[in-house]
């Protein structure tokens, strides 16, 4: 067997490793099993949701106006800008 064949056989082999829950490890070195906490379904969950100011929304602020398409290329610069048709007007 040549040198190249020996290297290629040992390429993917790894030294066997003990898991952290193995019997041969000392009690202090072992990974402690996770305890599952029992969840009470009757308790309401509270979560914090950041409040955004209402002036950032278009339907409440009339000063923002409608969105316009702003694609300005040399070939399209002669055409007037049109308001975006996807925005609903009230």
PDB file of N, CA and C in Angstrom:
ATOM      1  N   UNK A   1       0.843  -1.163   0.000  1.00  0.00           N
ATOM      2  CA  UNK A   1       0.000   0.000   0.000  1.00  0.00           C
ATOM      3  C   UNK A   1       0.893   1.232   0.000  1.00  0.00           C
ATOM      4  N   UNK A   2       0.572   2.165  -0.895  1.00  0.00           N
ATOM      5  CA  UNK A   2       1.386   3.361  -1.030  1.00  0.00           C
ATOM      6  C   UNK A   2       1.029   4.437  -0.016  1.00  0.00           C
ATOM      7  N   UNK A   3       1.806   5.481  -0.042  1.00  0.00           N
ATOM      8  CA  UNK A   3       1.624   6.576   0.907  1.00  0.00           C
ATOM      9  C   UNK A   3       0.291   7.301   0.676  1.00  0.00           C
ATOM     10  N   UNK A   4      -0.064   7.491  -0.579  1.00  0.00           N
ATOM     11  CA  UNK A   4      -1.299   8.193  -0.906  1.00  0.00           C
ATOM     12  C   UNK A   4      -2.524   7.407  -0.444  1.00  0.00           C
ATOM     13  N   UNK A   5      -2.504   6.087  -0.573  1.00  0.00           N
ATOM     14  CA  UNK A   5      -3.632   5.267  -0.140  1.00  0.00           C
ATOM     15  C   UNK A   5      -3.790   5.306   1.378  1.00  0.00           C
ATOM     16  N   UNK A   6      -2.685   5.333   2.117  1.00  0.00           N
ATOM     17  CA  UNK A   6      -2.767   5.396   3.576  1.00  0.00           C
ATOM     18  C   UNK A   6      -3.405   6.710   4.025  1.00  0.00           C
ATOM     19  N   UNK A   7      -3.034   7.805   3.376  1.00  0.00           N
ATOM     20  CA  UNK A   7      -3.593   9.099   3.756  1.00  0.00           C
ATOM     21  C   UNK A   7      -5.076   9.181   3.424  1.00  0.00           C
ATOM     22  N   UNK A   8      -5.458   8.637   2.280  1.00  0.00           N
ATOM     23  CA  UNK A   8      -6.861   8.737   1.891  1.00  0.00           C
ATOM     24  C   UNK A   8      -7.749   7.866   2.768  1.00  0.00           C
ATOM     25  N   UNK A   9      -7.238   6.779   3.311  1.00  0.00           N
ATOM     26  CA  UNK A   9      -8.042   5.944   4.202  1.00  0.00           C
ATOM     27  C   UNK A   9      -8.257   6.623   5.551  1.00  0.00           C
ATOM     28  N   UNK A  10      -7.292   7.374   6.015  1.00  0.00           N
ATOM     29  CA  UNK A  10      -7.400   8.029   7.309  1.00  0.00           C
ATOM     30  C   UNK A  10      -7.969   9.444   7.202  1.00  0.00           C
ATOM     31  N   UNK A  11      -8.401   9.829   6.039  1.00  0.00           N
ATOM     32  CA  UNK A  11      -8.852  11.202   5.829  1.00  0.00           C
ATOM     33  C   UNK A  11     -10.114  11.516   6.632  1.00  0.00           C
ATOM     34  N   UNK A  12     -11.119  10.654   6.578  1.00  0.00           N
ATOM     35  CA  UNK A  12     -12.406  10.954   7.201  1.00  0.00           C
ATOM     36  C   UNK A  12     -12.576  10.302   8.565  1.00  0.00           C
ATOM     37  N   UNK A  13     -11.577   9.619   9.063  1.00  0.00           N
ATOM     38  CA  UNK A  13     -11.729   8.972  10.366  1.00  0.00           C
ATOM     39  C   UNK A  13     -11.436   9.972  11.469  1.00  0.00           C
ATOM     40  N   UNK A  14     -12.213   9.886  12.542  1.00  0.00           N
ATOM     41  CA  UNK A  14     -12.030  10.778  13.680  1.00  0.00           C
ATOM     42  C   UNK A  14     -11.763   9.967  14.930  1.00  0.00           C
ATOM     43  N   UNK A  15     -11.141  10.589  15.860  1.00  0.00           N
ATOM     44  CA  UNK A  15     -10.915   9.967  17.149  1.00  0.00           C
ATOM     45  C   UNK A  15     -12.266   9.876  17.862  1.00  0.00           C
ATOM     46  N   UNK A  16     -12.597   8.711  18.441  1.00  0.00           N
ATOM     47  CA  UNK A  16     -13.897   8.603  19.110  1.00  0.00           C
ATOM     48  C   UNK A  16     -13.970   9.553  20.309  1.00  0.00           C
ATOM     49  N   UNK A  17     -15.098  10.235  20.436  1.00  0.00           N
ATOM     50  CA  UNK A  17     -15.267  11.215  21.498  1.00  0.00           C
ATOM     51  C   UNK A  17     -16.394  10.774  22.421  1.00  0.00           C
ATOM     52  N   UNK A  18     -16.249  11.070  23.691  1.00  0.00           N
ATOM     53  CA  UNK A  18     -17.294  10.764  24.656  1.00  0.00           C
ATOM     54  C   UNK A  18     -18.310  11.904  24.662  1.00  0.00           C
ATOM     55  N   UNK A  19     -19.583  11.537  24.713  1.00  0.00           N
ATOM     56  CA  UNK A  19     -20.591  12.580  24.845  1.00  0.00           C
ATOM     57  C   UNK A  19     -20.606  13.065  26.289  1.00  0.00           C
ATOM     58  N   UNK A  20     -21.226  14.197  26.522  1.00  0.00           N
ATOM     59  CA  UNK A  20     -21.233  14.777  27.865  1.00  0.00           C
ATOM     60  C   UNK A  20     -22.160  14.035  28.820  1.00  0.00           C
ATOM     61  N   UNK A  21     -22.885  13.042  28.332  1.00  0.00           N
ATOM     62  CA  UNK A  21     -23.770  12.254  29.187  1.00  0.00           C
ATOM     63  C   UNK A  21     -23.272  10.816  29.355  1.00  0.00           C
ATOM     64  N   UNK A  22     -22.030  10.553  28.994  1.00  0.00           N
ATOM     65  CA  UNK A  22     -21.500   9.190  29.033  1.00  0.00           C
ATOM     66  C   UNK A  22     -21.271   8.735  30.470  1.00  0.00           C
ATOM     67  N   UNK A  23     -21.358   7.410  30.691  1.00  0.00           N
ATOM     68  CA  UNK A  23     -21.225   6.843  32.035  1.00  0.00           C
ATOM     69  C   UNK A  23     -19.825   7.026  32.599  1.00  0.00           C
ATOM     70  N   UNK A  24     -18.818   6.985  31.749  1.00  0.00           N
ATOM     71  CA  UNK A  24     -17.435   7.004  32.229  1.00  0.00           C
ATOM     72  C   UNK A  24     -16.990   8.377  32.734  1.00  0.00           C
ATOM     73  N   UNK A  25     -17.734   9.409  32.426  1.00  0.00           N
ATOM     74  CA  UNK A  25     -17.386  10.731  32.924  1.00  0.00           C
ATOM     75  C   UNK A  25     -17.760  10.851  34.394  1.00  0.00           C
ATOM     76  N   UNK A  26     -17.041  11.691  35.102  1.00  0.00           N
ATOM     77  CA  UNK A  26     -17.352  11.919  36.506  1.00  0.00           C
ATOM     78  C   UNK A  26     -18.681  12.656  36.622  1.00  0.00           C
ATOM     79  N   UNK A  27     -19.277  12.555  37.778  1.00  0.00           N
ATOM     80  CA  UNK A  27     -20.596  13.141  37.994  1.00  0.00           C
ATOM     81  C   UNK A  27     -20.568  14.667  37.814  1.00  0.00           C
ATOM     82  N   UNK A  28     -19.469  15.286  38.196  1.00  0.00           N
ATOM     83  CA  UNK A  28     -19.368  16.744  38.090  1.00  0.00           C
ATOM     84  C   UNK A  28     -19.219  17.194  36.640  1.00  0.00           C
ATOM     85  N   UNK A  29     -18.590  16.368  35.803  1.00  0.00           N
ATOM     86  CA  UNK A  29     -18.326  16.747  34.419  1.00  0.00           C
ATOM     87  C   UNK A  29     -19.489  16.446  33.485  1.00  0.00           C
ATOM     88  N   UNK A  30     -20.461  15.686  33.942  1.00  0.00           N
ATOM     89  CA  UNK A  30     -21.578  15.299  33.080  1.00  0.00           C
ATOM     90  C   UNK A  30     -22.524  16.465  32.845  1.00  0.00           C
ATOM     91  N   UNK A  31     -23.179  16.401  31.720  1.00  0.00           N
ATOM     92  CA  UNK A  31     -24.192  17.387  31.387  1.00  0.00           C
ATOM     93  C   UNK A  31     -25.467  17.017  32.121  1.00  0.00           C
ATOM     94  N   UNK A  32     -26.030  17.957  32.830  1.00  0.00           N
ATOM     95  CA  UNK A  32     -27.234  17.668  33.602  1.00  0.00           C
ATOM     96  C   UNK A  32     -28.435  17.627  32.666  1.00  0.00           C
ATOM     97  N   UNK A  33     -29.347  16.678  32.877  1.00  0.00           N
ATOM     98  CA  UNK A  33     -30.530  16.610  32.012  1.00  0.00           C
ATOM     99  C   UNK A  33     -31.428  17.826  32.228  1.00  0.00           C
ATOM    100  N   UNK A  34     -32.039  18.263  31.160  1.00  0.00           N
ATOM    101  CA  UNK A  34     -32.906  19.433  31.232  1.00  0.00           C
ATOM    102  C   UNK A  34     -34.253  19.041  31.820  1.00  0.00           C
ATOM    103  N   UNK A  35     -34.722  19.852  32.737  1.00  0.00           N
ATOM    104  CA  UNK A  35     -36.032  19.620  33.330  1.00  0.00           C
ATOM    105  C   UNK A  35     -37.044  20.491  32.592  1.00  0.00           C
ATOM    106  N   UNK A  36     -38.127  19.875  32.191  1.00  0.00           N
ATOM    107  CA  UNK A  36     -39.163  20.609  31.487  1.00  0.00           C
ATOM    108  C   UNK A  36     -40.084  21.272  32.498  1.00  0.00           C
ATOM    109  N   UNK A  37     -40.300  22.558  32.305  1.00  0.00           N
ATOM    110  CA  UNK A  37     -41.213  23.275  33.177  1.00  0.00           C
ATOM    111  C   UNK A  37     -42.626  23.077  32.660  1.00  0.00           C
ATOM    112  N   UNK A  38     -43.526  22.818  33.579  1.00  0.00           N
ATOM    113  CA  UNK A  38     -44.922  22.645  33.188  1.00  0.00           C
ATOM    114  C   UNK A  38     -45.538  24.016  32.984  1.00  0.00           C
ATOM    115  N   UNK A  39     -46.168  24.186  31.855  1.00  0.00           N
ATOM    116  CA  UNK A  39     -46.782  25.459  31.530  1.00  0.00           C
ATOM    117  C   UNK A  39     -48.258  25.421  31.897  1.00  0.00           C
ATOM    118  N   UNK A  40     -48.713  26.482  32.519  1.00  0.00           N
ATOM    119  CA  UNK A  40     -50.113  26.591  32.881  1.00  0.00           C
ATOM    120  C   UNK A  40     -50.842  27.301  31.747  1.00  0.00           C
ATOM    121  N   UNK A  41     -51.812  26.646  31.173  1.00  0.00           N
ATOM    122  CA  UNK A  41     -52.526  27.199  30.027  1.00  0.00           C
ATOM    123  C   UNK A  41     -53.509  28.296  30.434  1.00  0.00           C
ATOM    124  N   UNK A  42     -53.854  28.379  31.708  1.00  0.00           N
ATOM    125  CA  UNK A  42     -54.840  29.351  32.156  1.00  0.00           C
ATOM    126  C   UNK A  42     -54.254  30.751  32.337  1.00  0.00           C
ATOM    127  N   UNK A  43     -52.936  30.865  32.394  1.00  0.00           N
ATOM    128  CA  UNK A  43     -52.299  32.158  32.592  1.00  0.00           C
ATOM    129  C   UNK A  43     -52.218  32.889  31.250  1.00  0.00           C
ATOM    130  N   UNK A  44     -52.623  34.161  31.257  1.00  0.00           N
ATOM    131  CA  UNK A  44     -52.535  34.968  30.044  1.00  0.00           C
ATOM    132  C   UNK A  44     -51.097  35.410  29.827  1.00  0.00           C
ATOM    133  N   UNK A  45     -50.683  35.390  28.587  1.00  0.00           N
ATOM    134  CA  UNK A  45     -49.326  35.800  28.268  1.00  0.00           C
ATOM    135  C   UNK A  45     -49.304  37.302  28.012  1.00  0.00           C
ATOM    136  N   UNK A  46     -48.321  37.970  28.583  1.00  0.00           N
ATOM    137  CA  UNK A  46     -48.142  39.392  28.352  1.00  0.00           C
ATOM    138  C   UNK A  46     -46.895  39.584  27.503  1.00  0.00           C
ATOM    139  N   UNK A  47     -47.006  40.437  26.538  1.00  0.00           N
ATOM    140  CA  UNK A  47     -45.844  40.732  25.726  1.00  0.00           C
ATOM    141  C   UNK A  47     -45.823  42.221  25.429  1.00  0.00           C
ATOM    142  N   UNK A  48     -44.637  42.744  25.265  1.00  0.00           N
ATOM    143  CA  UNK A  48     -44.472  44.166  25.021  1.00  0.00           C
ATOM    144  C   UNK A  48     -44.373  44.412  23.520  1.00  0.00           C
ATOM    145  N   UNK A  49     -45.255  45.263  23.041  1.00  0.00           N
ATOM    146  CA  UNK A  49     -45.266  45.622  21.631  1.00  0.00           C
ATOM    147  C   UNK A  49     -44.931  47.107  21.545  1.00  0.00           C
ATOM    148  N   UNK A  50     -43.924  47.475  20.767  1.00  0.00           N
ATOM    149  CA  UNK A  50     -43.570  48.897  20.694  1.00  0.00           C
ATOM    150  C   UNK A  50     -44.679  49.699  20.023  1.00  0.00           C
ATOM    151  N   UNK A  51     -44.977  50.848  20.589  1.00  0.00           N
ATOM    152  CA  UNK A  51     -46.013  51.721  20.052  1.00  0.00           C
ATOM    153  C   UNK A  51     -45.395  52.651  19.011  1.00  0.00           C
ATOM    154  N   UNK A  52     -46.005  52.702  17.839  1.00  0.00           N
ATOM    155  CA  UNK A  52     -45.549  53.600  16.785  1.00  0.00           C
ATOM    156  C   UNK A  52     -46.473  54.812  16.760  1.00  0.00           C
ATOM    157  N   UNK A  53     -45.943  55.988  16.548  1.00  0.00           N
ATOM    158  CA  UNK A  53     -46.806  57.168  16.486  1.00  0.00           C
ATOM    159  C   UNK A  53     -47.711  57.110  15.257  1.00  0.00           C
ATOM    160  N   UNK A  54     -48.934  57.605  15.425  1.00  0.00           N
ATOM    161  CA  UNK A  54     -49.918  57.478  14.355  1.00  0.00           C
ATOM    162  C   UNK A  54     -49.650  58.428  13.193  1.00  0.00           C
ATOM    163  N   UNK A  55     -48.827  59.458  13.393  1.00  0.00           N
ATOM    164  CA  UNK A  55     -48.580  60.393  12.295  1.00  0.00           C
ATOM    165  C   UNK A  55     -47.718  59.780  11.197  1.00  0.00           C
ATOM    166  N   UNK A  56     -47.168  58.578  11.418  1.00  0.00           N
ATOM    167  CA  UNK A  56     -46.368  57.932  10.387  1.00  0.00           C
ATOM    168  C   UNK A  56     -47.229  57.215   9.349  1.00  0.00           C
ATOM    169  N   UNK A  57     -48.512  57.076   9.597  1.00  0.00           N
ATOM    170  CA  UNK A  57     -49.373  56.333   8.695  1.00  0.00           C
ATOM    171  C   UNK A  57     -50.105  57.296   7.767  1.00  0.00           C
ATOM    172  N   UNK A  58     -50.274  56.905   6.536  1.00  0.00           N
ATOM    173  CA  UNK A  58     -50.836  57.770   5.508  1.00  0.00           C
ATOM    174  C   UNK A  58     -52.299  58.113   5.758  1.00  0.00           C
ATOM    175  N   UNK A  59     -53.073  57.189   6.292  1.00  0.00           N
ATOM    176  CA  UNK A  59     -54.501  57.461   6.439  1.00  0.00           C
ATOM    177  C   UNK A  59     -54.781  58.493   7.527  1.00  0.00           C
ATOM    178  N   UNK A  60     -53.846  58.713   8.451  1.00  0.00           N
ATOM    179  CA  UNK A  60     -54.046  59.678   9.520  1.00  0.00           C
ATOM    180  C   UNK A  60     -53.371  61.018   9.232  1.00  0.00           C
ATOM    181  N   UNK A  61     -52.385  61.020   8.372  1.00  0.00           N
ATOM    182  CA  UNK A  61     -51.660  62.251   8.090  1.00  0.00           C
ATOM    183  C   UNK A  61     -51.919  62.664   6.649  1.00  0.00           C
ATOM    184  N   UNK A  62     -52.620  63.759   6.487  1.00  0.00           N
ATOM    185  CA  UNK A  62     -52.930  64.219   5.128  1.00  0.00           C
ATOM    186  C   UNK A  62     -51.788  65.035   4.541  1.00  0.00           C
ATOM    187  N   UNK A  63     -50.829  65.455   5.341  1.00  0.00           N
ATOM    188  CA  UNK A  63     -49.726  66.266   4.840  1.00  0.00           C
ATOM    189  C   UNK A  63     -48.718  65.444   4.048  1.00  0.00           C
ATOM    190  N   UNK A  64     -48.715  64.133   4.235  1.00  0.00           N
ATOM    191  CA  UNK A  64     -47.751  63.308   3.517  1.00  0.00           C
ATOM    192  C   UNK A  64     -48.083  63.213   2.035  1.00  0.00           C
ATOM    193  N   UNK A  65     -49.359  63.248   1.684  1.00  0.00           N
ATOM    194  CA  UNK A  65     -49.756  63.214   0.289  1.00  0.00           C
ATOM    195  C   UNK A  65     -49.617  61.823  -0.310  1.00  0.00           C
ATOM    196  N   UNK A  66     -49.901  61.734  -1.607  1.00  0.00           N
ATOM    197  CA  UNK A  66     -49.842  60.451  -2.278  1.00  0.00           C
ATOM    198  C   UNK A  66     -48.417  60.129  -2.686  1.00  0.00           C
ATOM    199  N   UNK A  67     -48.160  58.844  -2.806  1.00  0.00           N
ATOM    200  CA  UNK A  67     -46.855  58.407  -3.280  1.00  0.00           C
ATOM    201  C   UNK A  67     -46.764  58.613  -4.789  1.00  0.00           C
ATOM    202  N   UNK A  68     -45.626  59.020  -5.260  1.00  0.00           N
ATOM    203  CA  UNK A  68     -45.429  59.198  -6.695  1.00  0.00           C
ATOM    204  C   UNK A  68     -44.329  58.269  -7.155  1.00  0.00           C
ATOM    205  N   UNK A  69     -44.412  57.867  -8.387  1.00  0.00           N
ATOM    206  CA  UNK A  69     -43.356  57.033  -8.943  1.00  0.00           C
ATOM    207  C   UNK A  69     -42.180  57.933  -9.261  1.00  0.00           C
ATOM    208  N   UNK A  70     -41.016  57.573  -8.817  1.00  0.00           N
ATOM    209  CA  UNK A  70     -39.859  58.461  -8.975  1.00  0.00           C
ATOM    210  C   UNK A  70     -38.744  57.780  -9.752  1.00  0.00           C
ATOM    211  N   UNK A  71     -39.088  57.152 -10.860  1.00  0.00           N
ATOM    212  CA  UNK A  71     -38.067  56.583 -11.728  1.00  0.00           C
ATOM    213  C   UNK A  71     -37.669  57.643 -12.748  1.00  0.00           C
ATOM    214  N   UNK A  72     -36.499  58.188 -12.602  1.00  0.00           N
ATOM    215  CA  UNK A  72     -36.032  59.217 -13.522  1.00  0.00           C
ATOM    216  C   UNK A  72     -34.826  58.697 -14.285  1.00  0.00           C
ATOM    217  N   UNK A  73     -35.072  58.276 -15.482  1.00  0.00           N
ATOM    218  CA  UNK A  73     -33.998  57.862 -16.373  1.00  0.00           C
ATOM    219  C   UNK A  73     -33.962  58.850 -17.531  1.00  0.00           C
ATOM    220  N   UNK A  74     -32.892  58.920 -18.273  1.00  0.00           N
ATOM    221  CA  UNK A  74     -32.828  59.885 -19.387  1.00  0.00           C
ATOM    222  C   UNK A  74     -33.926  59.682 -20.420  1.00  0.00           C
ATOM    223  N   UNK A  75     -34.356  58.445 -20.636  1.00  0.00           N
ATOM    224  CA  UNK A  75     -35.390  58.222 -21.645  1.00  0.00           C
ATOM    225  C   UNK A  75     -36.768  58.573 -21.119  1.00  0.00           C
ATOM    226  N   UNK A  76     -36.985  58.477 -19.808  1.00  0.00           N
ATOM    227  CA  UNK A  76     -38.306  58.731 -19.251  1.00  0.00           C
ATOM    228  C   UNK A  76     -38.412  60.102 -18.590  1.00  0.00           C
ATOM    229  N   UNK A  77     -37.390  60.924 -18.675  1.00  0.00           N
ATOM    230  CA  UNK A  77     -37.406  62.201 -17.961  1.00  0.00           C
ATOM    231  C   UNK A  77     -38.377  63.203 -18.580  1.00  0.00           C
ATOM    232  N   UNK A  78     -38.802  62.998 -19.824  1.00  0.00           N
ATOM    233  CA  UNK A  78     -39.729  63.929 -20.457  1.00  0.00           C
ATOM    234  C   UNK A  78     -41.169  63.651 -20.053  1.00  0.00           C
ATOM    235  N   UNK A  79     -41.471  62.460 -19.547  1.00  0.00           N
ATOM    236  CA  UNK A  79     -42.833  62.127 -19.170  1.00  0.00           C
ATOM    237  C   UNK A  79     -43.144  62.681 -17.785  1.00  0.00           C
ATOM    238  N   UNK A  80     -44.375  63.147 -17.555  1.00  0.00           N
ATOM    239  CA  UNK A  80     -44.717  63.665 -16.219  1.00  0.00           C
ATOM    240  C   UNK A  80     -44.853  62.517 -15.211  1.00  0.00           C
ATOM    241  N   UNK A  81     -44.622  62.837 -13.963  1.00  0.00           N
ATOM    242  CA  UNK A  81     -44.762  61.837 -12.909  1.00  0.00           C
ATOM    243  C   UNK A  81     -46.234  61.641 -12.597  1.00  0.00           C
ATOM    244  N   UNK A  82     -46.633  60.378 -12.427  1.00  0.00           N
ATOM    245  CA  UNK A  82     -48.024  60.064 -12.132  1.00  0.00           C
ATOM    246  C   UNK A  82     -48.118  59.508 -10.720  1.00  0.00           C
ATOM    247  N   UNK A  83     -49.231  59.763 -10.029  1.00  0.00           N
ATOM    248  CA  UNK A  83     -49.381  59.176  -8.688  1.00  0.00           C
ATOM    249  C   UNK A  83     -49.540  57.666  -8.774  1.00  0.00           C
ATOM    250  N   UNK A  84     -49.113  57.009  -7.736  1.00  0.00           N
ATOM    251  CA  UNK A  84     -49.167  55.552  -7.704  1.00  0.00           C
ATOM    252  C   UNK A  84     -50.621  55.107  -7.615  1.00  0.00           C
ATOM    253  N   UNK A  85     -51.039  54.205  -8.486  1.00  0.00           N
ATOM    254  CA  UNK A  85     -52.426  53.770  -8.526  1.00  0.00           C
ATOM    255  C   UNK A  85     -52.739  52.694  -7.493  1.00  0.00           C
ATOM    256  N   UNK A  86     -51.715  52.100  -6.863  1.00  0.00           N
ATOM    257  CA  UNK A  86     -51.970  51.048  -5.885  1.00  0.00           C
ATOM    258  C   UNK A  86     -52.466  51.613  -4.561  1.00  0.00           C
ATOM    259  N   UNK A  87     -52.195  52.892  -4.293  1.00  0.00           N
ATOM    260  CA  UNK A  87     -52.624  53.520  -3.049  1.00  0.00           C
ATOM    261  C   UNK A  87     -54.114  53.838  -3.168  1.00  0.00           C
ATOM    262  N   UNK A  88     -54.910  53.465  -2.189  1.00  0.00           N
ATOM    263  CA  UNK A  88     -56.338  53.753  -2.239  1.00  0.00           C
ATOM    264  C   UNK A  88     -56.564  55.196  -1.801  1.00  0.00           C
ATOM    265  N   UNK A  89     -57.395  55.910  -2.518  1.00  0.00           N
ATOM    266  CA  UNK A  89     -57.677  57.303  -2.170  1.00  0.00           C
ATOM    267  C   UNK A  89     -59.039  57.377  -1.504  1.00  0.00           C
ATOM    268  N   UNK A  90     -59.138  58.254  -0.508  1.00  0.00           N
ATOM    269  CA  UNK A  90     -60.406  58.374   0.225  1.00  0.00           C
ATOM    270  C   UNK A  90     -61.085  59.673  -0.098  1.00  0.00           C
TER     271      UNK A  90
END
